PDB file of N, CA and C in Angstrom:
ATOM      1  N   MET A   1      32.259  60.691 101.943  1.00  0.00           N
ATOM      2  CA  MET A   1      31.743  59.710 100.998  1.00  0.00           C
ATOM      3  C   MET A   1      32.911  58.855 100.507  1.00  0.00           C
ATOM      4  N   SER A   2      32.715  57.531 100.469  1.00  0.00           N
ATOM      5  CA  SER A   2      33.777  56.634 100.035  1.00  0.00           C
ATOM      6  C   SER A   2      33.990  56.733  98.527  1.00  0.00           C
ATOM      7  N   ASN A   3      35.178  56.298  98.099  1.00  0.00           N
ATOM      8  CA  ASN A   3      35.470  56.294  96.664  1.00  0.00           C
ATOM      9  C   ASN A   3      34.501  55.410  95.899  1.00  0.00           C
ATOM     10  N   SER A   4      34.105  54.279  96.497  1.00  0.00           N
ATOM     11  CA  SER A   4      33.166  53.365  95.837  1.00  0.00           C
ATOM     12  C   SER A   4      31.833  54.052  95.588  1.00  0.00           C
ATOM     13  N   ARG A   5      31.375  54.813  96.553  1.00  0.00           N
ATOM     14  CA  ARG A   5      30.094  55.520  96.388  1.00  0.00           C
ATOM     15  C   ARG A   5      30.215  56.618  95.333  1.00  0.00           C
ATOM     16  N   LYS A   6      31.359  57.290  95.299  1.00  0.00           N
ATOM     17  CA  LYS A   6      31.585  58.306  94.272  1.00  0.00           C
ATOM     18  C   LYS A   6      31.579  57.674  92.881  1.00  0.00           C
ATOM     19  N   ILE A   7      32.196  56.505  92.773  1.00  0.00           N
ATOM     20  CA  ILE A   7      32.214  55.784  91.497  1.00  0.00           C
ATOM     21  C   ILE A   7      30.792  55.401  91.094  1.00  0.00           C
ATOM     22  N   ASP A   8      29.999  54.914  92.063  1.00  0.00           N
ATOM     23  CA  ASP A   8      28.599  54.572  91.782  1.00  0.00           C
ATOM     24  C   ASP A   8      27.852  55.794  91.251  1.00  0.00           C
ATOM     25  N   GLU A   9      28.011  56.934  91.911  1.00  0.00           N
ATOM     26  CA  GLU A   9      27.315  58.159  91.492  1.00  0.00           C
ATOM     27  C   GLU A   9      27.729  58.579  90.089  1.00  0.00           C
ATOM     28  N   LEU A  10      29.027  58.525  89.809  1.00  0.00           N
ATOM     29  CA  LEU A  10      29.519  58.896  88.483  1.00  0.00           C
ATOM     30  C   LEU A  10      28.954  57.951  87.416  1.00  0.00           C
ATOM     31  N   ALA A  11      28.975  56.659  87.707  1.00  0.00           N
ATOM     32  CA  ALA A  11      28.446  55.679  86.757  1.00  0.00           C
ATOM     33  C   ALA A  11      26.960  55.905  86.509  1.00  0.00           C
ATOM     34  N   LEU A  12      26.212  56.129  87.569  1.00  0.00           N
ATOM     35  CA  LEU A  12      24.771  56.367  87.419  1.00  0.00           C
ATOM     36  C   LEU A  12      24.501  57.640  86.631  1.00  0.00           C
ATOM     37  N   SER A  13      25.309  58.649  86.837  1.00  0.00           N
ATOM     38  CA  SER A  13      25.160  59.897  86.082  1.00  0.00           C
ATOM     39  C   SER A  13      25.390  59.655  84.597  1.00  0.00           C
ATOM     40  N   ARG A  14      26.435  58.901  84.288  1.00  0.00           N
ATOM     41  CA  ARG A  14      26.732  58.601  82.876  1.00  0.00           C
ATOM     42  C   ARG A  14      25.647  57.722  82.257  1.00  0.00           C
ATOM     43  N   ILE A  15      25.167  56.770  83.024  1.00  0.00           N
ATOM     44  CA  ILE A  15      24.104  55.892  82.517  1.00  0.00           C
ATOM     45  C   ILE A  15      22.858  56.708  82.208  1.00  0.00           C
ATOM     46  N   SER A  16      22.467  57.588  83.122  1.00  0.00           N
ATOM     47  CA  SER A  16      21.251  58.369  82.887  1.00  0.00           C
ATOM     48  C   SER A  16      21.433  59.318  81.714  1.00  0.00           C
ATOM     49  N   SER A  17      22.646  59.805  81.479  1.00  0.00           N
ATOM     50  CA  SER A  17      22.855  60.681  80.322  1.00  0.00           C
ATOM     51  C   SER A  17      22.763  59.897  79.020  1.00  0.00           C
ATOM     52  N   LYS A  18      23.157  58.620  79.036  1.00  0.00           N
ATOM     53  CA  LYS A  18      23.068  57.790  77.826  1.00  0.00           C
ATOM     54  C   LYS A  18      21.662  57.232  77.613  1.00  0.00           C
ATOM     55  N   LEU A  19      21.024  56.825  78.713  1.00  0.00           N
ATOM     56  CA  LEU A  19      19.710  56.188  78.600  1.00  0.00           C
ATOM     57  C   LEU A  19      18.564  57.188  78.624  1.00  0.00           C
ATOM     58  N   GLY A  20      18.829  58.366  79.162  1.00  0.00           N
ATOM     59  CA  GLY A  20      17.740  59.323  79.308  1.00  0.00           C
ATOM     60  C   GLY A  20      16.861  58.903  80.464  1.00  0.00           C
ATOM     61  N   ASP A  21      15.739  58.313  80.177  1.00  0.00           N
ATOM     62  CA  ASP A  21      14.772  57.903  81.197  1.00  0.00           C
ATOM     63  C   ASP A  21      15.261  56.649  81.917  1.00  0.00           C
ATOM     64  N   VAL A  22      15.565  56.783  83.189  1.00  0.00           N
ATOM     65  CA  VAL A  22      15.968  55.611  83.972  1.00  0.00           C
ATOM     66  C   VAL A  22      14.832  55.141  84.879  1.00  0.00           C
ATOM     67  N   SER A  23      13.616  55.534  84.561  1.00  0.00           N
ATOM     68  CA  SER A  23      12.474  55.153  85.400  1.00  0.00           C
ATOM     69  C   SER A  23      11.948  53.756  85.075  1.00  0.00           C
ATOM     70  N   THR A  24      12.546  53.085  84.101  1.00  0.00           N
ATOM     71  CA  THR A  24      12.168  51.704  83.810  1.00  0.00           C
ATOM     72  C   THR A  24      13.222  50.768  84.387  1.00  0.00           C
ATOM     73  N   GLU A  25      12.835  49.551  84.671  1.00  0.00           N
ATOM     74  CA  GLU A  25      13.763  48.583  85.242  1.00  0.00           C
ATOM     75  C   GLU A  25      14.822  48.182  84.231  1.00  0.00           C
ATOM     76  N   LYS A  26      16.030  47.976  84.725  1.00  0.00           N
ATOM     77  CA  LYS A  26      17.173  47.540  83.917  1.00  0.00           C
ATOM     78  C   LYS A  26      17.773  46.298  84.563  1.00  0.00           C
ATOM     79  N   ILE A  27      18.441  45.478  83.762  1.00  0.00           N
ATOM     80  CA  ILE A  27      19.134  44.316  84.311  1.00  0.00           C
ATOM     81  C   ILE A  27      20.510  44.783  84.779  1.00  0.00           C
ATOM     82  N   VAL A  28      20.767  44.574  86.072  1.00  0.00           N
ATOM     83  CA  VAL A  28      22.018  45.001  86.685  1.00  0.00           C
ATOM     84  C   VAL A  28      22.809  43.757  87.098  1.00  0.00           C
ATOM     85  N   GLU A  29      24.114  43.793  86.864  1.00  0.00           N
ATOM     86  CA  GLU A  29      25.005  42.689  87.200  1.00  0.00           C
ATOM     87  C   GLU A  29      25.823  43.058  88.438  1.00  0.00           C
ATOM     88  N   PHE A  30      26.043  42.086  89.318  1.00  0.00           N
ATOM     89  CA  PHE A  30      26.801  42.287  90.549  1.00  0.00           C
ATOM     90  C   PHE A  30      27.891  41.220  90.635  1.00  0.00           C
ATOM     91  N   PHE A  31      29.068  41.617  91.127  1.00  0.00           N
ATOM     92  CA  PHE A  31      30.229  40.739  91.141  1.00  0.00           C
ATOM     93  C   PHE A  31      30.792  40.591  92.552  1.00  0.00           C
ATOM     94  N   PHE A  32      30.945  39.337  92.986  1.00  0.00           N
ATOM     95  CA  PHE A  32      31.499  39.016  94.293  1.00  0.00           C
ATOM     96  C   PHE A  32      32.624  37.998  94.101  1.00  0.00           C
ATOM     97  N   TYR A  33      33.665  38.106  94.933  1.00  0.00           N
ATOM     98  CA  TYR A  33      34.762  37.134  94.884  1.00  0.00           C
ATOM     99  C   TYR A  33      34.978  36.553  96.272  1.00  0.00           C
ATOM    100  N   PHE A  34      35.181  35.214  96.310  1.00  0.00           N
ATOM    101  CA  PHE A  34      35.322  34.490  97.562  1.00  0.00           C
ATOM    102  C   PHE A  34      36.508  33.540  97.481  1.00  0.00           C
ATOM    103  N   PRO A  35      37.147  33.272  98.632  1.00  0.00           N
ATOM    104  CA  PRO A  35      38.311  32.385  98.618  1.00  0.00           C
ATOM    105  C   PRO A  35      37.961  30.911  98.425  1.00  0.00           C
ATOM    106  N   ALA A  36      36.726  30.537  98.749  1.00  0.00           N
ATOM    107  CA  ALA A  36      36.324  29.132  98.650  1.00  0.00           C
ATOM    108  C   ALA A  36      34.952  29.015  97.986  1.00  0.00           C
ATOM    109  N   GLU A  37      34.758  27.913  97.297  1.00  0.00           N
ATOM    110  CA  GLU A  37      33.487  27.680  96.609  1.00  0.00           C
ATOM    111  C   GLU A  37      32.316  27.691  97.592  1.00  0.00           C
ATOM    112  N   LEU A  38      32.507  27.127  98.773  1.00  0.00           N
ATOM    113  CA  LEU A  38      31.429  27.096  99.760  1.00  0.00           C
ATOM    114  C   LEU A  38      31.007  28.515 100.154  1.00  0.00           C
ATOM    115  N   ASP A  39      31.967  29.403 100.343  1.00  0.00           N
ATOM    116  CA  ASP A  39      31.639  30.800 100.671  1.00  0.00           C
ATOM    117  C   ASP A  39      30.801  31.426  99.567  1.00  0.00           C
ATOM    118  N   ALA A  40      31.211  31.216  98.318  1.00  0.00           N
ATOM    119  CA  ALA A  40      30.479  31.775  97.176  1.00  0.00           C
ATOM    120  C   ALA A  40      29.073  31.199  97.101  1.00  0.00           C
ATOM    121  N   THR A  41      28.953  29.914  97.361  1.00  0.00           N
ATOM    122  CA  THR A  41      27.647  29.256  97.309  1.00  0.00           C
ATOM    123  C   THR A  41      26.727  29.752  98.417  1.00  0.00           C
ATOM    124  N   MET A  42      27.270  30.007  99.590  1.00  0.00           N
ATOM    125  CA  MET A  42      26.450  30.525 100.683  1.00  0.00           C
ATOM    126  C   MET A  42      25.912  31.923 100.344  1.00  0.00           C
ATOM    127  N   ALA A  43      26.734  32.749  99.728  1.00  0.00           N
ATOM    128  CA  ALA A  43      26.275  34.074  99.291  1.00  0.00           C
ATOM    129  C   ALA A  43      25.224  33.921  98.195  1.00  0.00           C
ATOM    130  N   GLU A  44      25.458  32.986  97.282  1.00  0.00           N
ATOM    131  CA  GLU A  44      24.506  32.732  96.200  1.00  0.00           C
ATOM    132  C   GLU A  44      23.124  32.384  96.760  1.00  0.00           C
ATOM    133  N   VAL A  45      23.072  31.549  97.777  1.00  0.00           N
ATOM    134  CA  VAL A  45      21.800  31.148  98.383  1.00  0.00           C
ATOM    135  C   VAL A  45      21.051  32.377  98.892  1.00  0.00           C
ATOM    136  N   GLU A  46      21.757  33.272  99.579  1.00  0.00           N
ATOM    137  CA  GLU A  46      21.101  34.482 100.088  1.00  0.00           C
ATOM    138  C   GLU A  46      20.580  35.355  98.952  1.00  0.00           C
ATOM    139  N   LEU A  47      21.365  35.479  97.896  1.00  0.00           N
ATOM    140  CA  LEU A  47      20.945  36.304  96.756  1.00  0.00           C
ATOM    141  C   LEU A  47      19.744  35.694  96.034  1.00  0.00           C
ATOM    142  N   VAL A  48      19.761  34.392  95.845  1.00  0.00           N
ATOM    143  CA  VAL A  48      18.643  33.713  95.176  1.00  0.00           C
ATOM    144  C   VAL A  48      17.363  33.900  95.995  1.00  0.00           C
ATOM    145  N   ASN A  49      17.483  33.855  97.307  1.00  0.00           N
ATOM    146  CA  ASN A  49      16.314  34.062  98.167  1.00  0.00           C
ATOM    147  C   ASN A  49      15.719  35.462  98.018  1.00  0.00           C
ATOM    148  N   LEU A  50      16.512  36.387  97.476  1.00  0.00           N
ATOM    149  CA  LEU A  50      16.038  37.758  97.222  1.00  0.00           C
ATOM    150  C   LEU A  50      15.750  37.992  95.734  1.00  0.00           C
ATOM    151  N   GLN A  51      15.528  36.908  95.010  1.00  0.00           N
ATOM    152  CA  GLN A  51      15.121  36.946  93.609  1.00  0.00           C
ATOM    153  C   GLN A  51      16.218  37.361  92.628  1.00  0.00           C
ATOM    154  N   PHE A  52      17.496  37.218  93.019  1.00  0.00           N
ATOM    155  CA  PHE A  52      18.592  37.439  92.082  1.00  0.00           C
ATOM    156  C   PHE A  52      18.814  36.154  91.298  1.00  0.00           C
ATOM    157  N   GLN A  53      19.244  36.290  90.051  1.00  0.00           N
ATOM    158  CA  GLN A  53      19.713  35.148  89.276  1.00  0.00           C
ATOM    159  C   GLN A  53      21.208  35.064  89.560  1.00  0.00           C
ATOM    160  N   CYS A  54      21.729  33.878  89.857  1.00  0.00           N
ATOM    161  CA  CYS A  54      23.135  33.759  90.257  1.00  0.00           C
ATOM    162  C   CYS A  54      23.811  32.563  89.624  1.00  0.00           C
ATOM    163  N   SER A  55      25.126  32.666  89.548  1.00  0.00           N
ATOM    164  CA  SER A  55      25.956  31.521  89.190  1.00  0.00           C
ATOM    165  C   SER A  55      27.270  31.646  89.942  1.00  0.00           C
ATOM    166  N   VAL A  56      27.863  30.501  90.254  1.00  0.00           N
ATOM    167  CA  VAL A  56      29.154  30.454  90.925  1.00  0.00           C
ATOM    168  C   VAL A  56      30.110  29.689  90.017  1.00  0.00           C
ATOM    169  N   SER A  57      31.308  30.255  89.834  1.00  0.00           N
ATOM    170  CA  SER A  57      32.320  29.598  89.001  1.00  0.00           C
ATOM    171  C   SER A  57      33.705  30.057  89.436  1.00  0.00           C
ATOM    172  N   LYS A  58      34.708  29.330  88.992  1.00  0.00           N
ATOM    173  CA  LYS A  58      36.078  29.768  89.257  1.00  0.00           C
ATOM    174  C   LYS A  58      36.253  31.129  88.616  1.00  0.00           C
ATOM    175  N   SER A  59      36.909  32.038  89.302  1.00  0.00           N
ATOM    176  CA  SER A  59      37.107  33.380  88.748  1.00  0.00           C
ATOM    177  C   SER A  59      38.150  33.317  87.627  1.00  0.00           C
ATOM    178  N   PRO A  60      38.174  34.337  86.775  1.00  0.00           N
ATOM    179  CA  PRO A  60      39.135  34.336  85.661  1.00  0.00           C
ATOM    180  C   PRO A  60      40.591  34.176  86.113  1.00  0.00           C
ATOM    181  N   ASN A  61      40.941  34.672  87.298  1.00  0.00           N
ATOM    182  CA  ASN A  61      42.328  34.532  87.757  1.00  0.00           C
ATOM    183  C   ASN A  61      42.594  33.179  88.416  1.00  0.00           C
ATOM    184  N   LYS A  62      41.545  32.368  88.572  1.00  0.00           N
ATOM    185  CA  LYS A  62      41.616  31.000  89.103  1.00  0.00           C
ATOM    186  C   LYS A  62      42.063  30.912  90.556  1.00  0.00           C
ATOM    187  N   ASN A  63      42.220  32.039  91.244  1.00  0.00           N
ATOM    188  CA  ASN A  63      42.616  32.002  92.653  1.00  0.00           C
ATOM    189  C   ASN A  63      41.434  32.047  93.596  1.00  0.00           C
ATOM    190  N   ASP A  64      40.288  32.440  93.096  1.00  0.00           N
ATOM    191  CA  ASP A  64      39.115  32.528  93.952  1.00  0.00           C
ATOM    192  C   ASP A  64      37.868  32.183  93.151  1.00  0.00           C
ATOM    193  N   TRP A  65      36.719  32.339  93.803  1.00  0.00           N
ATOM    194  CA  TRP A  65      35.444  31.969  93.201  1.00  0.00           C
ATOM    195  C   TRP A  65      34.602  33.214  92.956  1.00  0.00           C
ATOM    196  N   LEU A  66      34.002  33.273  91.784  1.00  0.00           N
ATOM    197  CA  LEU A  66      33.125  34.377  91.408  1.00  0.00           C
ATOM    198  C   LEU A  66      31.674  33.984  91.654  1.00  0.00           C
ATOM    199  N   CYS A  67      30.953  34.834  92.351  1.00  0.00           N
ATOM    200  CA  CYS A  67      29.499  34.717  92.441  1.00  0.00           C
ATOM    201  C   CYS A  67      28.966  35.879  91.611  1.00  0.00           C
ATOM    202  N   PHE A  68      28.372  35.551  90.488  1.00  0.00           N
ATOM    203  CA  PHE A  68      27.847  36.544  89.552  1.00  0.00           C
ATOM    204  C   PHE A  68      26.334  36.575  89.705  1.00  0.00           C
ATOM    205  N   ALA A  69      25.792  37.750  90.008  1.00  0.00           N
ATOM    206  CA  ALA A  69      24.355  37.879  90.258  1.00  0.00           C
ATOM    207  C   ALA A  69      23.768  38.949  89.341  1.00  0.00           C
ATOM    208  N   THR A  70      22.544  38.726  88.903  1.00  0.00           N
ATOM    209  CA  THR A  70      21.832  39.729  88.112  1.00  0.00           C
ATOM    210  C   THR A  70      20.425  39.895  88.672  1.00  0.00           C
ATOM    211  N   LYS A  71      19.889  41.082  88.436  1.00  0.00           N
ATOM    212  CA  LYS A  71      18.512  41.334  88.849  1.00  0.00           C
ATOM    213  C   LYS A  71      17.970  42.500  88.032  1.00  0.00           C
ATOM    214  N   LYS A  72      16.726  42.386  87.621  1.00  0.00           N
ATOM    215  CA  LYS A  72      16.042  43.479  86.943  1.00  0.00           C
ATOM    216  C   LYS A  72      15.512  44.417  88.019  1.00  0.00           C
ATOM    217  N   MET A  73      15.925  45.693  87.953  1.00  0.00           N
ATOM    218  CA  MET A  73      15.564  46.618  89.017  1.00  0.00           C
ATOM    219  C   MET A  73      15.599  48.059  88.532  1.00  0.00           C
ATOM    220  N   MET A  74      15.048  48.931  89.369  1.00  0.00           N
ATOM    221  CA  MET A  74      15.123  50.361  89.123  1.00  0.00           C
ATOM    222  C   MET A  74      16.542  50.828  89.437  1.00  0.00           C
ATOM    223  N   VAL A  75      17.018  51.807  88.684  1.00  0.00           N
ATOM    224  CA  VAL A  75      18.370  52.323  88.852  1.00  0.00           C
ATOM    225  C   VAL A  75      18.281  53.737  89.417  1.00  0.00           C
ATOM    226  N   SER A  76      18.840  53.933  90.629  1.00  0.00           N
ATOM    227  CA  SER A  76      18.872  55.268  91.223  1.00  0.00           C
ATOM    228  C   SER A  76      20.037  55.352  92.200  1.00  0.00           C
ATOM    229  N   GLU A  77      20.517  56.560  92.451  1.00  0.00           N
ATOM    230  CA  GLU A  77      21.619  56.752  93.403  1.00  0.00           C
ATOM    231  C   GLU A  77      21.247  56.234  94.783  1.00  0.00           C
ATOM    232  N   GLU A  78      20.047  56.554  95.234  1.00  0.00           N
ATOM    233  CA  GLU A  78      19.606  56.124  96.561  1.00  0.00           C
ATOM    234  C   GLU A  78      19.588  54.601  96.660  1.00  0.00           C
ATOM    235  N   ARG A  79      19.026  53.960  95.659  1.00  0.00           N
ATOM    236  CA  ARG A  79      18.939  52.491  95.644  1.00  0.00           C
ATOM    237  C   ARG A  79      20.326  51.858  95.661  1.00  0.00           C
ATOM    238  N   PHE A  80      21.244  52.402  94.851  1.00  0.00           N
ATOM    239  CA  PHE A  80      22.568  51.804  94.762  1.00  0.00           C
ATOM    240  C   PHE A  80      23.417  52.092  95.992  1.00  0.00           C
ATOM    241  N   SER A  81      23.156  53.179  96.675  1.00  0.00           N
ATOM    242  CA  SER A  81      23.844  53.461  97.932  1.00  0.00           C
ATOM    243  C   SER A  81      23.450  52.407  98.971  1.00  0.00           C
ATOM    244  N   GLU A  82      22.167  52.131  99.065  1.00  0.00           N
ATOM    245  CA  GLU A  82      21.680  51.104  99.988  1.00  0.00           C
ATOM    246  C   GLU A  82      22.199  49.723  99.596  1.00  0.00           C
ATOM    247  N   LEU A  83      22.153  49.431  98.314  1.00  0.00           N
ATOM    248  CA  LEU A  83      22.612  48.125  97.833  1.00  0.00           C
ATOM    249  C   LEU A  83      24.089  47.913  98.104  1.00  0.00           C
ATOM    250  N   ARG A  84      24.917  48.937  97.867  1.00  0.00           N
ATOM    251  CA  ARG A  84      26.358  48.785  98.094  1.00  0.00           C
ATOM    252  C   ARG A  84      26.621  48.348  99.536  1.00  0.00           C
ATOM    253  N   THR A  85      25.997  49.007 100.493  1.00  0.00           N
ATOM    254  CA  THR A  85      26.196  48.648 101.894  1.00  0.00           C
ATOM    255  C   THR A  85      25.774  47.203 102.143  1.00  0.00           C
ATOM    256  N   TRP A  86      24.613  46.813 101.625  1.00  0.00           N
ATOM    257  CA  TRP A  86      24.126  45.454 101.828  1.00  0.00           C
ATOM    258  C   TRP A  86      25.041  44.435 101.154  1.00  0.00           C
ATOM    259  N   MET A  87      25.457  44.723  99.927  1.00  0.00           N
ATOM    260  CA  MET A  87      26.325  43.798  99.175  1.00  0.00           C
ATOM    261  C   MET A  87      27.689  43.652  99.855  1.00  0.00           C
ATOM    262  N   GLU A  88      28.262  44.747 100.328  1.00  0.00           N
ATOM    263  CA  GLU A  88      29.545  44.676 101.032  1.00  0.00           C
ATOM    264  C   GLU A  88      29.420  43.841 102.303  1.00  0.00           C
ATOM    265  N   ASN A  89      28.322  44.003 103.030  1.00  0.00           N
ATOM    266  CA  ASN A  89      28.096  43.212 104.244  1.00  0.00           C
ATOM    267  C   ASN A  89      27.906  41.734 103.922  1.00  0.00           C
ATOM    268  N   LEU A  90      27.179  41.439 102.847  1.00  0.00           N
ATOM    269  CA  LEU A  90      26.987  40.046 102.431  1.00  0.00           C
ATOM    270  C   LEU A  90      28.330  39.407 102.102  1.00  0.00           C
ATOM    271  N   ALA A  91      29.145  40.090 101.326  1.00  0.00           N
ATOM    272  CA  ALA A  91      30.455  39.550 100.950  1.00  0.00           C
ATOM    273  C   ALA A  91      31.318  39.312 102.189  1.00  0.00           C
ATOM    274  N   ALA A  92      31.374  40.291 103.085  1.00  0.00           N
ATOM    275  CA  ALA A  92      32.192  40.160 104.292  1.00  0.00           C
ATOM    276  C   ALA A  92      31.715  39.000 105.163  1.00  0.00           C
ATOM    277  N   LYS A  93      30.413  38.828 105.249  1.00  0.00           N
ATOM    278  CA  LYS A  93      29.824  37.742 106.048  1.00  0.00           C
ATOM    279  C   LYS A  93      30.331  36.379 105.588  1.00  0.00           C
ATOM    280  N   HIS A  94      30.630  36.263 104.293  1.00  0.00           N
ATOM    281  CA  HIS A  94      31.066  34.986 103.720  1.00  0.00           C
ATOM    282  C   HIS A  94      32.536  35.029 103.286  1.00  0.00           C
ATOM    283  N   ASN A  95      33.321  35.883 103.942  1.00  0.00           N
ATOM    284  CA  ASN A  95      34.772  35.952 103.734  1.00  0.00           C
ATOM    285  C   ASN A  95      35.192  36.434 102.350  1.00  0.00           C
ATOM    286  N   GLY A  96      34.330  37.191 101.694  1.00  0.00           N
ATOM    287  CA  GLY A  96      34.635  37.634 100.343  1.00  0.00           C
ATOM    288  C   GLY A  96      34.653  39.128 100.184  1.00  0.00           C
ATOM    289  N   THR A  97      34.660  39.541  98.928  1.00  0.00           N
ATOM    290  CA  THR A  97      34.633  40.965  98.604  1.00  0.00           C
ATOM    291  C   THR A  97      33.561  41.216  97.539  1.00  0.00           C
ATOM    292  N   TYR A  98      32.960  42.373  97.645  1.00  0.00           N
ATOM    293  CA  TYR A  98      32.008  42.843  96.637  1.00  0.00           C
ATOM    294  C   TYR A  98      32.799  43.716  95.688  1.00  0.00           C
ATOM    295  N   ASP A  99      32.741  43.398  94.388  1.00  0.00           N
ATOM    296  CA  ASP A  99      33.558  44.108  93.407  1.00  0.00           C
ATOM    297  C   ASP A  99      32.754  45.107  92.588  1.00  0.00           C
ATOM    298  N   GLY A 100      31.499  45.322  92.941  1.00  0.00           N
ATOM    299  CA  GLY A 100      30.722  46.336  92.249  1.00  0.00           C
ATOM    300  C   GLY A 100      29.680  45.768  91.309  1.00  0.00           C
ATOM    301  N   TRP A 101      29.155  46.663  90.484  1.00  0.00           N
ATOM    302  CA  TRP A 101      28.038  46.326  89.615  1.00  0.00           C
ATOM    303  C   TRP A 101      28.294  46.888  88.211  1.00  0.00           C
ATOM    304  N   GLY A 102      27.491  46.442  87.296  1.00  0.00           N
ATOM    305  CA  GLY A 102      27.545  46.935  85.927  1.00  0.00           C
ATOM    306  C   GLY A 102      26.232  46.694  85.240  1.00  0.00           C
ATOM    307  N   MET A 103      26.076  47.309  84.083  1.00  0.00           N
ATOM    308  CA  MET A 103      24.864  47.078  83.291  1.00  0.00           C
ATOM    309  C   MET A 103      25.121  47.482  81.859  1.00  0.00           C
ATOM    310  N   GLU A 104      24.359  46.889  80.954  1.00  0.00           N
ATOM    311  CA  GLU A 104      24.476  47.244  79.546  1.00  0.00           C
ATOM    312  C   GLU A 104      23.787  48.567  79.307  1.00  0.00           C
ATOM    313  N   VAL A 105      24.447  49.449  78.574  1.00  0.00           N
ATOM    314  CA  VAL A 105      23.890  50.760  78.301  1.00  0.00           C
ATOM    315  C   VAL A 105      23.529  50.865  76.836  1.00  0.00           C
TER     316      VAL A 105
END
């Protein structure tokens, strides 16, 4: 198991301990970084087509572009394992990196 997947599992465990019932949908945030605005925009288009809310902006370090995506969804280890693989592939397809996810607890 990769370190990223272990981190996902640990985060989900902590979230479920704080939230208790995770059977309701939560708003989850996803972070992608790309070397060029066009790359970020191409990823944004794919995410929007899958009902994600997205924005593209210069990243805080100003060296690359952030594609910030959110979606209301169910939270589970199985779901996030599948999502991580898909998100990493999406980022790689557009010359970027997937930096993970977060949510308000």
